[in-house]
């Protein structure tokens, strides 16, 4: 039961931090494009949202969320990889993969229900193919990050059988 509680907390923290990275992308792009940020809603029990007004390039603002939502955690993982290959590296790899998969599914399949960012992208005449392509690439990268960085490095794995080396 303790493991379920730890995993629940871990996933909830990943979800909230993923939304924070995603919304940070919207905020930065909107600010750079001259928009006024009216609100950033970032509650762990709801879907996050950045309300902005007056952007010169609103489609760029919308795309910045999922792009930052994948790139920022990945850069963090890369920085940690230069310093350590221990538990911090594995946790950052898990988080980078989680963020990539979450943003990839959100954009790559979100057009089916036309909600949130995907509804805005389509309303701003974004073609469908970049949404699907981003989704496929982000989910693929996320799965690769999970495979490479989590749960263990090959050198940490125990042999499956005596005399068998899995590394």
Foldseek 3Di string as FASTA:
>chain_A
DVVVVVVVVLVLVLQLVLQVQLVVQLVVQQVVQPKDFPDWDRDSVDRTDTDIDDGPDVLSSLVRRLVSSQPVLVVVLVVVVVPDLPPVNLSSLLSNLVSLQVSLCCQQVVCVVLDDSNVVNVVVVNDNVVSNVSSVVSNVVSVVSCVCRPDDHLVPDDAPDVPHRRD
